[in-house]
PDB file of N, CA and C in Angstrom:
ATOM      1  N   MET A   1       6.119  -2.906 -14.208  1.00  0.00           N
ATOM      2  CA  MET A   1       5.648  -2.144 -15.338  1.00  0.00           C
ATOM      3  C   MET A   1       4.154  -1.913 -15.160  1.00  0.00           C
ATOM      4  N   PHE A   2       3.656  -0.898 -15.838  1.00  0.00           N
ATOM      5  CA  PHE A   2       2.233  -0.584 -15.784  1.00  0.00           C
ATOM      6  C   PHE A   2       1.621  -0.765 -17.165  1.00  0.00           C
ATOM      7  N   GLU A   3       0.398  -1.262 -17.191  1.00  0.00           N
ATOM      8  CA  GLU A   3      -0.381  -1.360 -18.410  1.00  0.00           C
ATOM      9  C   GLU A   3      -1.567  -0.406 -18.279  1.00  0.00           C
ATOM     10  N   THR A   4      -2.036   0.099 -19.407  1.00  0.00           N
ATOM     11  CA  THR A   4      -3.224   0.952 -19.400  1.00  0.00           C
ATOM     12  C   THR A   4      -4.196   0.430 -20.446  1.00  0.00           C
ATOM     13  N   ARG A   5      -5.480   0.808 -20.253  1.00  0.00           N
ATOM     14  CA  ARG A   5      -6.477   0.424 -21.243  1.00  0.00           C
ATOM     15  C   ARG A   5      -7.648   1.407 -21.199  1.00  0.00           C
ATOM     16  N   ASP A   6      -8.456   1.330 -22.233  1.00  0.00           N
ATOM     17  CA  ASP A   6      -9.691   2.078 -22.345  1.00  0.00           C
ATOM     18  C   ASP A   6     -10.810   1.141 -21.901  1.00  0.00           C
ATOM     19  N   PHE A   7     -11.461   1.464 -20.789  1.00  0.00           N
ATOM     20  CA  PHE A   7     -12.588   0.663 -20.304  1.00  0.00           C
ATOM     21  C   PHE A   7     -13.851   1.502 -20.474  1.00  0.00           C
ATOM     22  N   LYS A   8     -14.554   1.273 -21.575  1.00  0.00           N
ATOM     23  CA  LYS A   8     -15.807   1.969 -21.864  1.00  0.00           C
ATOM     24  C   LYS A   8     -15.647   3.485 -21.791  1.00  0.00           C
ATOM     25  N   GLY A   9     -14.487   3.975 -22.266  1.00  0.00           N
ATOM     26  CA  GLY A   9     -14.215   5.400 -22.298  1.00  0.00           C
ATOM     27  C   GLY A   9     -13.457   5.928 -21.095  1.00  0.00           C
ATOM     28  N   TYR A  10     -13.228   5.100 -20.090  1.00  0.00           N
ATOM     29  CA  TYR A  10     -12.519   5.511 -18.880  1.00  0.00           C
ATOM     30  C   TYR A  10     -11.112   4.935 -18.879  1.00  0.00           C
ATOM     31  N   PHE A  11     -10.182   5.693 -18.298  1.00  0.00           N
ATOM     32  CA  PHE A  11      -8.786   5.267 -18.192  1.00  0.00           C
ATOM     33  C   PHE A  11      -8.646   4.257 -17.055  1.00  0.00           C
ATOM     34  N   GLN A  12      -7.973   3.161 -17.321  1.00  0.00           N
ATOM     35  CA  GLN A  12      -7.622   2.196 -16.277  1.00  0.00           C
ATOM     36  C   GLN A  12      -6.150   1.827 -16.421  1.00  0.00           C
ATOM     37  N   SER A  13      -5.540   1.498 -15.282  1.00  0.00           N
ATOM     38  CA  SER A  13      -4.161   1.024 -15.288  1.00  0.00           C
ATOM     39  C   SER A  13      -4.013  -0.107 -14.280  1.00  0.00           C
ATOM     40  N   ARG A  14      -2.958  -0.860 -14.443  1.00  0.00           N
ATOM     41  CA  ARG A  14      -2.629  -1.909 -13.480  1.00  0.00           C
ATOM     42  C   ARG A  14      -1.135  -2.147 -13.508  1.00  0.00           C
ATOM     43  N   GLU A  15      -0.629  -2.611 -12.383  1.00  0.00           N
ATOM     44  CA  GLU A  15       0.786  -2.943 -12.276  1.00  0.00           C
ATOM     45  C   GLU A  15       0.975  -4.419 -12.589  1.00  0.00           C
ATOM     46  N   VAL A  16       2.030  -4.717 -13.312  1.00  0.00           N
ATOM     47  CA  VAL A  16       2.417  -6.092 -13.606  1.00  0.00           C
ATOM     48  C   VAL A  16       3.821  -6.284 -13.047  1.00  0.00           C
ATOM     49  N   VAL A  17       3.979  -7.266 -12.164  1.00  0.00           N
ATOM     50  CA  VAL A  17       5.273  -7.532 -11.529  1.00  0.00           C
ATOM     51  C   VAL A  17       5.712  -8.955 -11.834  1.00  0.00           C
ATOM     52  N   LEU A  18       7.007  -9.184 -11.737  1.00  0.00           N
ATOM     53  CA  LEU A  18       7.537 -10.538 -11.916  1.00  0.00           C
ATOM     54  C   LEU A  18       7.654 -11.217 -10.559  1.00  0.00           C
ATOM     55  N   VAL A  19       7.087 -12.402 -10.465  1.00  0.00           N
ATOM     56  CA  VAL A  19       7.193 -13.227  -9.258  1.00  0.00           C
ATOM     57  C   VAL A  19       7.746 -14.571  -9.703  1.00  0.00           C
ATOM     58  N   ASP A  20       8.929 -14.900  -9.215  1.00  0.00           N
ATOM     59  CA  ASP A  20       9.617 -16.125  -9.641  1.00  0.00           C
ATOM     60  C   ASP A  20       9.745 -16.205 -11.161  1.00  0.00           C
ATOM     61  N   GLY A  21      10.006 -15.056 -11.766  1.00  0.00           N
ATOM     62  CA  GLY A  21      10.216 -14.999 -13.203  1.00  0.00           C
ATOM     63  C   GLY A  21       8.952 -14.994 -14.039  1.00  0.00           C
ATOM     64  N   LYS A  22       7.777 -15.013 -13.394  1.00  0.00           N
ATOM     65  CA  LYS A  22       6.512 -15.031 -14.129  1.00  0.00           C
ATOM     66  C   LYS A  22       5.741 -13.740 -13.862  1.00  0.00           C
ATOM     67  N   PRO A  23       5.122 -13.173 -14.901  1.00  0.00           N
ATOM     68  CA  PRO A  23       4.368 -11.933 -14.696  1.00  0.00           C
ATOM     69  C   PRO A  23       3.072 -12.167 -13.915  1.00  0.00           C
ATOM     70  N   VAL A  24       2.841 -11.313 -12.939  1.00  0.00           N
ATOM     71  CA  VAL A  24       1.602 -11.346 -12.157  1.00  0.00           C
ATOM     72  C   VAL A  24       0.964  -9.964 -12.290  1.00  0.00           C
ATOM     73  N   ALA A  25      -0.270  -9.954 -12.792  1.00  0.00           N
ATOM     74  CA  ALA A  25      -0.972  -8.692 -13.020  1.00  0.00           C
ATOM     75  C   ALA A  25      -1.904  -8.393 -11.857  1.00  0.00           C
ATOM     76  N   HIS A  26      -1.852  -7.153 -11.375  1.00  0.00           N
ATOM     77  CA  HIS A  26      -2.774  -6.705 -10.334  1.00  0.00           C
ATOM     78  C   HIS A  26      -4.109  -6.339 -10.985  1.00  0.00           C
ATOM     79  N   GLU A  27      -5.089  -5.978 -10.163  1.00  0.00           N
ATOM     80  CA  GLU A  27      -6.412  -5.599 -10.659  1.00  0.00           C
ATOM     81  C   GLU A  27      -6.342  -4.306 -11.476  1.00  0.00           C
ATOM     82  N   TRP A  28      -7.209  -4.192 -12.478  1.00  0.00           N
ATOM     83  CA  TRP A  28      -7.359  -2.939 -13.200  1.00  0.00           C
ATOM     84  C   TRP A  28      -7.980  -1.923 -12.269  1.00  0.00           C
ATOM     85  N   ARG A  29      -7.511  -0.663 -12.330  1.00  0.00           N
ATOM     86  CA  ARG A  29      -8.010   0.403 -11.458  1.00  0.00           C
ATOM     87  C   ARG A  29      -8.313   1.662 -12.262  1.00  0.00           C
ATOM     88  N   PHE A  30      -9.414   2.295 -11.889  1.00  0.00           N
ATOM     89  CA  PHE A  30      -9.752   3.613 -12.421  1.00  0.00           C
ATOM     90  C   PHE A  30      -8.904   4.645 -11.683  1.00  0.00           C
ATOM     91  N   TYR A  31      -8.766   5.843 -12.257  1.00  0.00           N
ATOM     92  CA  TYR A  31      -8.058   6.917 -11.578  1.00  0.00           C
ATOM     93  C   TYR A  31      -9.042   8.026 -11.249  1.00  0.00           C
ATOM     94  N   LEU A  32      -9.190   8.331  -9.954  1.00  0.00           N
ATOM     95  CA  LEU A  32     -10.063   9.404  -9.496  1.00  0.00           C
ATOM     96  C   LEU A  32      -9.224  10.633  -9.201  1.00  0.00           C
ATOM     97  N   CYS A  33      -9.653  11.770  -9.750  1.00  0.00           N
ATOM     98  CA  CYS A  33      -8.908  13.028  -9.628  1.00  0.00           C
ATOM     99  C   CYS A  33      -9.381  13.884  -8.460  1.00  0.00           C
ATOM    100  N   GLY A  34     -10.570  13.624  -7.949  1.00  0.00           N
ATOM    101  CA  GLY A  34     -11.106  14.441  -6.867  1.00  0.00           C
ATOM    102  C   GLY A  34     -12.421  13.879  -6.371  1.00  0.00           C
ATOM    103  N   PHE A  35     -12.912  14.472  -5.279  1.00  0.00           N
ATOM    104  CA  PHE A  35     -14.123  13.970  -4.627  1.00  0.00           C
ATOM    105  C   PHE A  35     -15.040  15.116  -4.255  1.00  0.00           C
ATOM    106  N   GLY A  36     -16.336  14.868  -4.326  1.00  0.00           N
ATOM    107  CA  GLY A  36     -17.355  15.780  -3.829  1.00  0.00           C
ATOM    108  C   GLY A  36     -18.164  15.051  -2.773  1.00  0.00           C
ATOM    109  N   ALA A  37     -19.248  15.652  -2.353  1.00  0.00           N
ATOM    110  CA  ALA A  37     -20.077  15.049  -1.306  1.00  0.00           C
ATOM    111  C   ALA A  37     -20.637  13.693  -1.735  1.00  0.00           C
ATOM    112  N   ASP A  38     -21.112  13.603  -2.951  1.00  0.00           N
ATOM    113  CA  ASP A  38     -21.700  12.346  -3.420  1.00  0.00           C
ATOM    114  C   ASP A  38     -21.249  11.999  -4.838  1.00  0.00           C
ATOM    115  N   SER A  39     -20.085  12.531  -5.231  1.00  0.00           N
ATOM    116  CA  SER A  39     -19.550  12.239  -6.556  1.00  0.00           C
ATOM    117  C   SER A  39     -18.024  12.229  -6.505  1.00  0.00           C
ATOM    118  N   ALA A  40     -17.457  11.660  -7.541  1.00  0.00           N
ATOM    119  CA  ALA A  40     -16.001  11.642  -7.704  1.00  0.00           C
ATOM    120  C   ALA A  40     -15.697  12.070  -9.134  1.00  0.00           C
ATOM    121  N   THR A  41     -14.542  12.666  -9.327  1.00  0.00           N
ATOM    122  CA  THR A  41     -14.093  13.050 -10.661  1.00  0.00           C
ATOM    123  C   THR A  41     -13.183  11.945 -11.173  1.00  0.00           C
ATOM    124  N   ILE A  42     -13.558  11.351 -12.296  1.00  0.00           N
ATOM    125  CA  ILE A  42     -12.830  10.218 -12.846  1.00  0.00           C
ATOM    126  C   ILE A  42     -12.134  10.635 -14.137  1.00  0.00           C
ATOM    127  N   LEU A  43     -10.960  10.070 -14.377  1.00  0.00           N
ATOM    128  CA  LEU A  43     -10.205  10.356 -15.593  1.00  0.00           C
ATOM    129  C   LEU A  43     -10.731   9.483 -16.728  1.00  0.00           C
ATOM    130  N   CYS A  44     -11.053  10.123 -17.839  1.00  0.00           N
ATOM    131  CA  CYS A  44     -11.483   9.395 -19.028  1.00  0.00           C
ATOM    132  C   CYS A  44     -10.262   9.020 -19.865  1.00  0.00           C
ATOM    133  N   HIS A  45     -10.434   8.067 -20.755  1.00  0.00           N
ATOM    134  CA  HIS A  45      -9.316   7.598 -21.566  1.00  0.00           C
ATOM    135  C   HIS A  45      -8.760   8.693 -22.464  1.00  0.00           C
ATOM    136  N   ASP A  46      -9.617   9.635 -22.889  1.00  0.00           N
ATOM    137  CA  ASP A  46      -9.148  10.730 -23.741  1.00  0.00           C
ATOM    138  C   ASP A  46      -8.538  11.875 -22.927  1.00  0.00           C
ATOM    139  N   LYS A  47      -8.304  11.646 -21.633  1.00  0.00           N
ATOM    140  CA  LYS A  47      -7.687  12.580 -20.678  1.00  0.00           C
ATOM    141  C   LYS A  47      -8.621  13.694 -20.216  1.00  0.00           C
ATOM    142  N   SER A  48      -9.885  13.633 -20.608  1.00  0.00           N
ATOM    143  CA  SER A  48     -10.879  14.545 -20.041  1.00  0.00           C
ATOM    144  C   SER A  48     -11.307  13.972 -18.687  1.00  0.00           C
ATOM    145  N   ILE A  49     -12.140  14.701 -17.963  1.00  0.00           N
ATOM    146  CA  ILE A  49     -12.629  14.215 -16.675  1.00  0.00           C
ATOM    147  C   ILE A  49     -14.150  14.220 -16.683  1.00  0.00           C
ATOM    148  N   GLU A  50     -14.730  13.435 -15.782  1.00  0.00           N
ATOM    149  CA  GLU A  50     -16.176  13.296 -15.710  1.00  0.00           C
ATOM    150  C   GLU A  50     -16.573  13.031 -14.263  1.00  0.00           C
ATOM    151  N   GLN A  51     -17.750  13.453 -13.887  1.00  0.00           N
ATOM    152  CA  GLN A  51     -18.272  13.174 -12.546  1.00  0.00           C
ATOM    153  C   GLN A  51     -19.011  11.843 -12.562  1.00  0.00           C
ATOM    154  N   VAL A  52     -18.765  11.004 -11.554  1.00  0.00           N
ATOM    155  CA  VAL A  52     -19.501   9.755 -11.359  1.00  0.00           C
ATOM    156  C   VAL A  52     -19.977   9.712  -9.910  1.00  0.00           C
ATOM    157  N   PRO A  53     -21.107   9.052  -9.662  1.00  0.00           N
ATOM    158  CA  PRO A  53     -21.591   8.935  -8.280  1.00  0.00           C
ATOM    159  C   PRO A  53     -20.633   8.108  -7.418  1.00  0.00           C
ATOM    160  N   ILE A  54     -20.552   8.471  -6.139  1.00  0.00           N
ATOM    161  CA  ILE A  54     -19.821   7.677  -5.154  1.00  0.00           C
ATOM    162  C   ILE A  54     -20.735   7.549  -3.933  1.00  0.00           C
ATOM    163  N   ASP A  55     -20.805   6.352  -3.355  1.00  0.00           N
ATOM    164  CA  ASP A  55     -21.717   6.142  -2.225  1.00  0.00           C
ATOM    165  C   ASP A  55     -20.968   6.147  -0.892  1.00  0.00           C
ATOM    166  N   ALA A  56     -21.697   5.946   0.183  1.00  0.00           N
ATOM    167  CA  ALA A  56     -21.121   5.983   1.534  1.00  0.00           C
ATOM    168  C   ALA A  56     -20.116   4.864   1.773  1.00  0.00           C
ATOM    169  N   ASP A  57     -20.155   3.811   0.946  1.00  0.00           N
ATOM    170  CA  ASP A  57     -19.200   2.708   1.060  1.00  0.00           C
ATOM    171  C   ASP A  57     -18.003   2.884   0.131  1.00  0.00           C
ATOM    172  N   ASN A  58     -17.830   4.105  -0.403  1.00  0.00           N
ATOM    173  CA  ASN A  58     -16.719   4.439  -1.308  1.00  0.00           C
ATOM    174  C   ASN A  58     -16.730   3.623  -2.598  1.00  0.00           C
ATOM    175  N   ARG A  59     -17.914   3.303  -3.064  1.00  0.00           N
ATOM    176  CA  ARG A  59     -18.053   2.629  -4.356  1.00  0.00           C
ATOM    177  C   ARG A  59     -18.428   3.675  -5.397  1.00  0.00           C
ATOM    178  N   ILE A  60     -17.818   3.568  -6.579  1.00  0.00           N
ATOM    179  CA  ILE A  60     -18.149   4.474  -7.672  1.00  0.00           C
ATOM    180  C   ILE A  60     -19.028   3.730  -8.676  1.00  0.00           C
ATOM    181  N   LEU A  61     -19.895   4.481  -9.326  1.00  0.00           N
ATOM    182  CA  LEU A  61     -20.788   3.918 -10.333  1.00  0.00           C
ATOM    183  C   LEU A  61     -20.244   4.256 -11.714  1.00  0.00           C
ATOM    184  N   VAL A  62     -19.827   3.223 -12.445  1.00  0.00           N
ATOM    185  CA  VAL A  62     -19.268   3.386 -13.789  1.00  0.00           C
ATOM    186  C   VAL A  62     -20.032   2.460 -14.725  1.00  0.00           C
ATOM    187  N   ASP A  63     -20.649   3.045 -15.736  1.00  0.00           N
ATOM    188  CA  ASP A  63     -21.390   2.286 -16.750  1.00  0.00           C
ATOM    189  C   ASP A  63     -22.404   1.329 -16.112  1.00  0.00           C
ATOM    190  N   GLY A  64     -23.109   1.809 -15.088  1.00  0.00           N
ATOM    191  CA  GLY A  64     -24.161   1.016 -14.458  1.00  0.00           C
ATOM    192  C   GLY A  64     -23.691  -0.022 -13.454  1.00  0.00           C
ATOM    193  N   GLN A  65     -22.407  -0.068 -13.160  1.00  0.00           N
ATOM    194  CA  GLN A  65     -21.856  -1.054 -12.226  1.00  0.00           C
ATOM    195  C   GLN A  65     -21.113  -0.348 -11.106  1.00  0.00           C
ATOM    196  N   TRP A  66     -21.303  -0.808  -9.879  1.00  0.00           N
ATOM    197  CA  TRP A  66     -20.607  -0.252  -8.721  1.00  0.00           C
ATOM    198  C   TRP A  66     -19.244  -0.922  -8.559  1.00  0.00           C
ATOM    199  N   PHE A  67     -18.214  -0.108  -8.317  1.00  0.00           N
ATOM    200  CA  PHE A  67     -16.852  -0.607  -8.108  1.00  0.00           C
ATOM    201  C   PHE A  67     -16.357  -0.112  -6.753  1.00  0.00           C
ATOM    202  N   SER A  68     -15.874  -1.045  -5.918  1.00  0.00           N
ATOM    203  CA  SER A  68     -15.350  -0.692  -4.602  1.00  0.00           C
ATOM    204  C   SER A  68     -14.011   0.022  -4.731  1.00  0.00           C
ATOM    205  N   SER A  69     -13.511   0.503  -3.609  1.00  0.00           N
ATOM    206  CA  SER A  69     -12.223   1.202  -3.605  1.00  0.00           C
ATOM    207  C   SER A  69     -11.053   0.282  -3.975  1.00  0.00           C
ATOM    208  N   LEU A  70     -11.273  -1.003  -4.038  1.00  0.00           N
ATOM    209  CA  LEU A  70     -10.237  -1.921  -4.536  1.00  0.00           C
ATOM    210  C   LEU A  70      -9.989  -1.726  -6.033  1.00  0.00           C
ATOM    211  N   HIS A  71     -10.928  -1.031  -6.693  1.00  0.00           N
ATOM    212  CA  HIS A  71     -10.867  -0.875  -8.140  1.00  0.00           C
ATOM    213  C   HIS A  71     -10.577   0.553  -8.584  1.00  0.00           C
ATOM    214  N   TRP A  72     -10.111   1.404  -7.659  1.00  0.00           N
ATOM    215  CA  TRP A  72      -9.714   2.743  -8.050  1.00  0.00           C
ATOM    216  C   TRP A  72      -8.570   3.272  -7.184  1.00  0.00           C
ATOM    217  N   ASP A  73      -7.828   4.185  -7.775  1.00  0.00           N
ATOM    218  CA  ASP A  73      -6.737   4.914  -7.093  1.00  0.00           C
ATOM    219  C   ASP A  73      -7.043   6.397  -7.190  1.00  0.00           C
ATOM    220  N   HIS A  74      -6.347   7.186  -6.373  1.00  0.00           N
ATOM    221  CA  HIS A  74      -6.501   8.647  -6.473  1.00  0.00           C
ATOM    222  C   HIS A  74      -5.178   9.313  -6.182  1.00  0.00           C
TER     223      HIS A  74
END
């Protein structure tokens, strides 16, 4: 199953699976809709989109914090 949440106005989701009958939750992930040279288009919780910076290490800047590609899907 998937869970969703509002993280400071941005949409996040994560998968929750059963392992030996117990729920195990994966990391929360942002959803990126597209990429530019130095920015990414991120999905907001209200289903609008917004541009956020992305660096050469594929980290996005959200609310003053850098998140690696482990924390987003596209």
